[in-house]
Amino acid sequence: MAKEKGKGIVSEFKEFVMRGNVLDLAVGVIIGGAFQAIVSSLVNDVIMPVISLATGGKDFSEWKVMLGDTASLNYGNFISAIINFLIMAIVIFLIVKSINKVSAKFKKEETPAAPTTKVCPYCKSEIAIDAVKCAHCASELE
């Protein structure tokens, strides 16, 4: 990759970081991390206790299968992660759907462009809309 004369790595990095899409991505990652904390709290502190009541009061994180004396397969944590993902996916779907609905409401209806050509009634060639004589068959047009 050829380095532009007079541009150091610091200025190239600054130019890269200051692009709009990089900043948007950074904001999205930060907000996504905060939102993930909210969803995790919802699942762990609200939904899982209700599910554990339905399963006889057993804590969801205790759901595991022992694989020998020291190793365990913690499928309760896996189920919790799946519920986290599903809630996150549903919320993101609803947000995107709402944004699309609002943007469609404000989107300007596009009117079709006025035609610039017409068809000659005699030879069926395409000619300019304001033509009074066909350039193909020399017919007089109305």
C-alpha atoms as a PDB file:
ATOM      1  CA  MET A   1       0.000   0.000   0.000  1.00  0.00           C
ATOM      2  CA  ALA A   2       1.630   3.245  -1.104  1.00  0.00           C
ATOM      3  CA  LYS A   3       1.869   5.919   1.556  1.00  0.00           C
ATOM      4  CA  GLU A   4       0.790   9.391   0.480  1.00  0.00           C
ATOM      5  CA  LYS A   5       3.562  11.947   0.778  1.00  0.00           C
ATOM      6  CA  GLY A   6       3.289  14.021   3.932  1.00  0.00           C
ATOM      7  CA  LYS A   7       0.737  11.751   5.638  1.00  0.00           C
ATOM      8  CA  GLY A   8       1.897   9.952   8.717  1.00  0.00           C
ATOM      9  CA  ILE A   9       0.258   7.010  10.369  1.00  0.00           C
ATOM     10  CA  VAL A  10      -1.291   9.270  13.016  1.00  0.00           C
ATOM     11  CA  SER A  11      -3.027  11.486  10.464  1.00  0.00           C
ATOM     12  CA  GLU A  12      -4.198   8.451   8.472  1.00  0.00           C
ATOM     13  CA  PHE A  13      -5.601   6.920  11.639  1.00  0.00           C
ATOM     14  CA  LYS A  14      -7.310  10.190  12.552  1.00  0.00           C
ATOM     15  CA  GLU A  15      -8.869  10.364   9.079  1.00  0.00           C
ATOM     16  CA  PHE A  16     -10.068   6.753   9.404  1.00  0.00           C
ATOM     17  CA  VAL A  17     -11.597   7.284  12.847  1.00  0.00           C
ATOM     18  CA  MET A  18     -13.324  10.518  11.885  1.00  0.00           C
ATOM     19  CA  ARG A  19     -15.312   8.891   9.082  1.00  0.00           C
ATOM     20  CA  GLY A  20     -19.018   9.021   9.807  1.00  0.00           C
ATOM     21  CA  ASN A  21     -19.647   5.285   9.556  1.00  0.00           C
ATOM     22  CA  VAL A  22     -16.851   4.442  12.028  1.00  0.00           C
ATOM     23  CA  LEU A  23     -18.286   6.843  14.592  1.00  0.00           C
ATOM     24  CA  ASP A  24     -21.799   5.471  14.021  1.00  0.00           C
ATOM     25  CA  LEU A  25     -20.488   1.947  14.529  1.00  0.00           C
ATOM     26  CA  ALA A  26     -18.750   2.936  17.766  1.00  0.00           C
ATOM     27  CA  VAL A  27     -21.925   4.530  19.123  1.00  0.00           C
ATOM     28  CA  GLY A  28     -23.923   1.441  18.099  1.00  0.00           C
ATOM     29  CA  VAL A  29     -21.526  -0.910  19.898  1.00  0.00           C
ATOM     30  CA  ILE A  30     -21.626   1.165  23.080  1.00  0.00           C
ATOM     31  CA  ILE A  31     -25.424   1.408  23.089  1.00  0.00           C
ATOM     32  CA  GLY A  32     -25.686  -2.291  22.216  1.00  0.00           C
ATOM     33  CA  GLY A  33     -23.512  -3.201  25.201  1.00  0.00           C
ATOM     34  CA  ALA A  34     -25.660  -1.127  27.530  1.00  0.00           C
ATOM     35  CA  PHE A  35     -28.815  -2.617  26.050  1.00  0.00           C
ATOM     36  CA  GLN A  36     -27.407  -6.140  26.486  1.00  0.00           C
ATOM     37  CA  ALA A  37     -26.991  -5.429  30.202  1.00  0.00           C
ATOM     38  CA  ILE A  38     -30.671  -4.444  30.402  1.00  0.00           C
ATOM     39  CA  VAL A  39     -31.801  -7.572  28.552  1.00  0.00           C
ATOM     40  CA  SER A  40     -29.555  -9.801  30.695  1.00  0.00           C
ATOM     41  CA  SER A  41     -31.035  -8.284  33.837  1.00  0.00           C
ATOM     42  CA  LEU A  42     -34.555  -8.809  32.480  1.00  0.00           C
ATOM     43  CA  VAL A  43     -33.843 -12.462  31.761  1.00  0.00           C
ATOM     44  CA  ASN A  44     -31.845 -13.245  34.911  1.00  0.00           C
ATOM     45  CA  ASP A  45     -33.823 -11.157  37.408  1.00  0.00           C
ATOM     46  CA  VAL A  46     -37.384 -11.299  36.050  1.00  0.00           C
ATOM     47  CA  ILE A  47     -37.950 -14.153  33.600  1.00  0.00           C
ATOM     48  CA  MET A  48     -35.711 -16.863  35.091  1.00  0.00           C
ATOM     49  CA  PRO A  49     -37.202 -16.628  38.613  1.00  0.00           C
ATOM     50  CA  VAL A  50     -40.671 -17.102  37.104  1.00  0.00           C
ATOM     51  CA  ILE A  51     -39.428 -20.108  35.104  1.00  0.00           C
ATOM     52  CA  SER A  52     -37.731 -21.544  38.197  1.00  0.00           C
ATOM     53  CA  LEU A  53     -41.040 -21.262  40.100  1.00  0.00           C
ATOM     54  CA  ALA A  54     -42.673 -23.269  37.331  1.00  0.00           C
ATOM     55  CA  THR A  55     -39.924 -25.884  37.606  1.00  0.00           C
ATOM     56  CA  GLY A  56     -40.239 -26.367  41.350  1.00  0.00           C
ATOM     57  CA  GLY A  57     -38.050 -23.543  42.629  1.00  0.00           C
ATOM     58  CA  LYS A  58     -34.804 -24.856  41.205  1.00  0.00           C
ATOM     59  CA  ASP A  59     -32.380 -22.123  40.147  1.00  0.00           C
ATOM     60  CA  PHE A  60     -31.842 -22.127  36.396  1.00  0.00           C
ATOM     61  CA  SER A  61     -28.079 -21.867  36.721  1.00  0.00           C
ATOM     62  CA  GLU A  62     -28.106 -25.121  38.683  1.00  0.00           C
ATOM     63  CA  TRP A  63     -29.431 -27.057  35.701  1.00  0.00           C
ATOM     64  CA  LYS A  64     -26.454 -29.149  34.663  1.00  0.00           C
ATOM     65  CA  VAL A  65     -25.279 -32.630  33.951  1.00  0.00           C
ATOM     66  CA  MET A  66     -22.134 -33.836  35.676  1.00  0.00           C
ATOM     67  CA  LEU A  67     -19.505 -35.311  33.367  1.00  0.00           C
ATOM     68  CA  GLY A  68     -17.373 -37.153  35.834  1.00  0.00           C
ATOM     69  CA  ASP A  69     -16.248 -35.751  39.168  1.00  0.00           C
ATOM     70  CA  THR A  70     -15.072 -32.293  38.078  1.00  0.00           C
ATOM     71  CA  ALA A  71     -16.637 -31.358  34.734  1.00  0.00           C
ATOM     72  CA  SER A  72     -20.241 -30.327  34.223  1.00  0.00           C
ATOM     73  CA  LEU A  73     -22.455 -29.514  31.245  1.00  0.00           C
ATOM     74  CA  ASN A  74     -24.280 -26.319  32.275  1.00  0.00           C
ATOM     75  CA  TYR A  75     -27.275 -26.419  29.963  1.00  0.00           C
ATOM     76  CA  GLY A  76     -29.243 -24.051  32.230  1.00  0.00           C
ATOM     77  CA  ASN A  77     -26.831 -21.240  31.391  1.00  0.00           C
ATOM     78  CA  PHE A  78     -27.161 -22.132  27.700  1.00  0.00           C
ATOM     79  CA  ILE A  79     -30.961 -21.922  27.882  1.00  0.00           C
ATOM     80  CA  SER A  80     -30.597 -18.548  29.607  1.00  0.00           C
ATOM     81  CA  ALA A  81     -28.348 -17.334  26.765  1.00  0.00           C
ATOM     82  CA  ILE A  82     -30.912 -18.504  24.188  1.00  0.00           C
ATOM     83  CA  ILE A  83     -33.666 -16.594  25.988  1.00  0.00           C
ATOM     84  CA  ASN A  84     -31.372 -13.525  26.092  1.00  0.00           C
ATOM     85  CA  PHE A  85     -30.839 -13.803  22.347  1.00  0.00           C
ATOM     86  CA  LEU A  86     -34.538 -14.237  21.555  1.00  0.00           C
ATOM     87  CA  ILE A  87     -35.552 -11.234  23.646  1.00  0.00           C
ATOM     88  CA  MET A  88     -32.790  -9.131  22.063  1.00  0.00           C
ATOM     89  CA  ALA A  89     -33.849 -10.236  18.565  1.00  0.00           C
ATOM     90  CA  ILE A  90     -37.518  -9.449  19.228  1.00  0.00           C
ATOM     91  CA  VAL A  91     -36.737  -6.014  20.647  1.00  0.00           C
ATOM     92  CA  ILE A  92     -34.412  -5.141  17.742  1.00  0.00           C
ATOM     93  CA  PHE A  93     -37.033  -6.379  15.267  1.00  0.00           C
ATOM     94  CA  LEU A  94     -39.680  -4.165  16.874  1.00  0.00           C
ATOM     95  CA  ILE A  95     -37.357  -1.146  16.890  1.00  0.00           C
ATOM     96  CA  VAL A  96     -36.426  -1.591  13.213  1.00  0.00           C
ATOM     97  CA  LYS A  97     -40.060  -2.156  12.293  1.00  0.00           C
ATOM     98  CA  SER A  98     -41.071   1.045  14.109  1.00  0.00           C
ATOM     99  CA  ILE A  99     -38.300   3.060  12.460  1.00  0.00           C
ATOM    100  CA  ASN A 100     -39.291   1.735   9.022  1.00  0.00           C
ATOM    101  CA  LYS A 101     -42.932   2.620   9.678  1.00  0.00           C
ATOM    102  CA  VAL A 102     -42.071   6.165  10.774  1.00  0.00           C
ATOM    103  CA  SER A 103     -39.658   6.724   7.887  1.00  0.00           C
ATOM    104  CA  ALA A 104     -42.237   5.434   5.394  1.00  0.00           C
ATOM    105  CA  LYS A 105     -44.757   7.920   6.791  1.00  0.00           C
ATOM    106  CA  PHE A 106     -42.397  10.845   6.218  1.00  0.00           C
ATOM    107  CA  LYS A 107     -41.042   9.605   2.906  1.00  0.00           C
ATOM    108  CA  LYS A 108     -42.121  11.832   0.072  1.00  0.00           C
ATOM    109  CA  GLU A 109     -44.298  10.099  -2.489  1.00  0.00           C
ATOM    110  CA  GLU A 110     -42.399  10.089  -5.749  1.00  0.00           C
ATOM    111  CA  THR A 111     -44.431  11.231  -8.732  1.00  0.00           C
ATOM    112  CA  PRO A 112     -43.580   9.568 -12.000  1.00  0.00           C
ATOM    113  CA  ALA A 113     -41.639  11.749 -14.416  1.00  0.00           C
ATOM    114  CA  ALA A 114     -43.567  13.280 -17.283  1.00  0.00           C
ATOM    115  CA  PRO A 115     -43.138  11.300 -20.503  1.00  0.00           C
ATOM    116  CA  THR A 116     -40.614  12.695 -22.977  1.00  0.00           C
ATOM    117  CA  THR A 117     -41.525  10.467 -25.908  1.00  0.00           C
ATOM    118  CA  LYS A 118     -44.599   9.179 -27.686  1.00  0.00           C
ATOM    119  CA  VAL A 119     -45.321   6.518 -30.303  1.00  0.00           C
ATOM    120  CA  CYS A 120     -46.040   7.477 -33.883  1.00  0.00           C
ATOM    121  CA  PRO A 121     -49.572   6.235 -34.700  1.00  0.00           C
ATOM    122  CA  TYR A 122     -48.502   5.277 -38.245  1.00  0.00           C
ATOM    123  CA  CYS A 123     -45.116   3.519 -37.983  1.00  0.00           C
ATOM    124  CA  LYS A 124     -45.142   2.850 -34.208  1.00  0.00           C
ATOM    125  CA  SER A 125     -41.652   4.372 -33.788  1.00  0.00           C
ATOM    126  CA  GLU A 126     -40.747   6.245 -30.634  1.00  0.00           C
ATOM    127  CA  ILE A 127     -40.493   9.991 -31.224  1.00  0.00           C
ATOM    128  CA  ALA A 128     -40.184  13.163 -29.137  1.00  0.00           C
ATOM    129  CA  ILE A 129     -43.355  14.148 -27.272  1.00  0.00           C
ATOM    130  CA  ASP A 130     -43.558  17.562 -28.965  1.00  0.00           C
ATOM    131  CA  ALA A 131     -42.836  16.312 -32.512  1.00  0.00           C
ATOM    132  CA  VAL A 132     -45.279  17.424 -35.235  1.00  0.00           C
ATOM    133  CA  LYS A 133     -43.763  15.211 -37.926  1.00  0.00           C
ATOM    134  CA  CYS A 134     -42.434  11.645 -37.515  1.00  0.00           C
ATOM    135  CA  ALA A 135     -38.698  11.438 -38.158  1.00  0.00           C
ATOM    136  CA  HIS A 136     -39.041   7.804 -39.284  1.00  0.00           C
ATOM    137  CA  CYS A 137     -42.017   7.813 -41.674  1.00  0.00           C
ATOM    138  CA  ALA A 138     -42.434  11.579 -42.281  1.00  0.00           C
ATOM    139  CA  SER A 139     -46.120  11.433 -41.327  1.00  0.00           C
ATOM    140  CA  GLU A 140     -47.813  14.623 -40.166  1.00  0.00           C
ATOM    141  CA  LEU A 141     -48.864  14.296 -36.512  1.00  0.00           C
ATOM    142  CA  GLU A 142     -51.710  16.031 -34.744  1.00  0.00           C
END
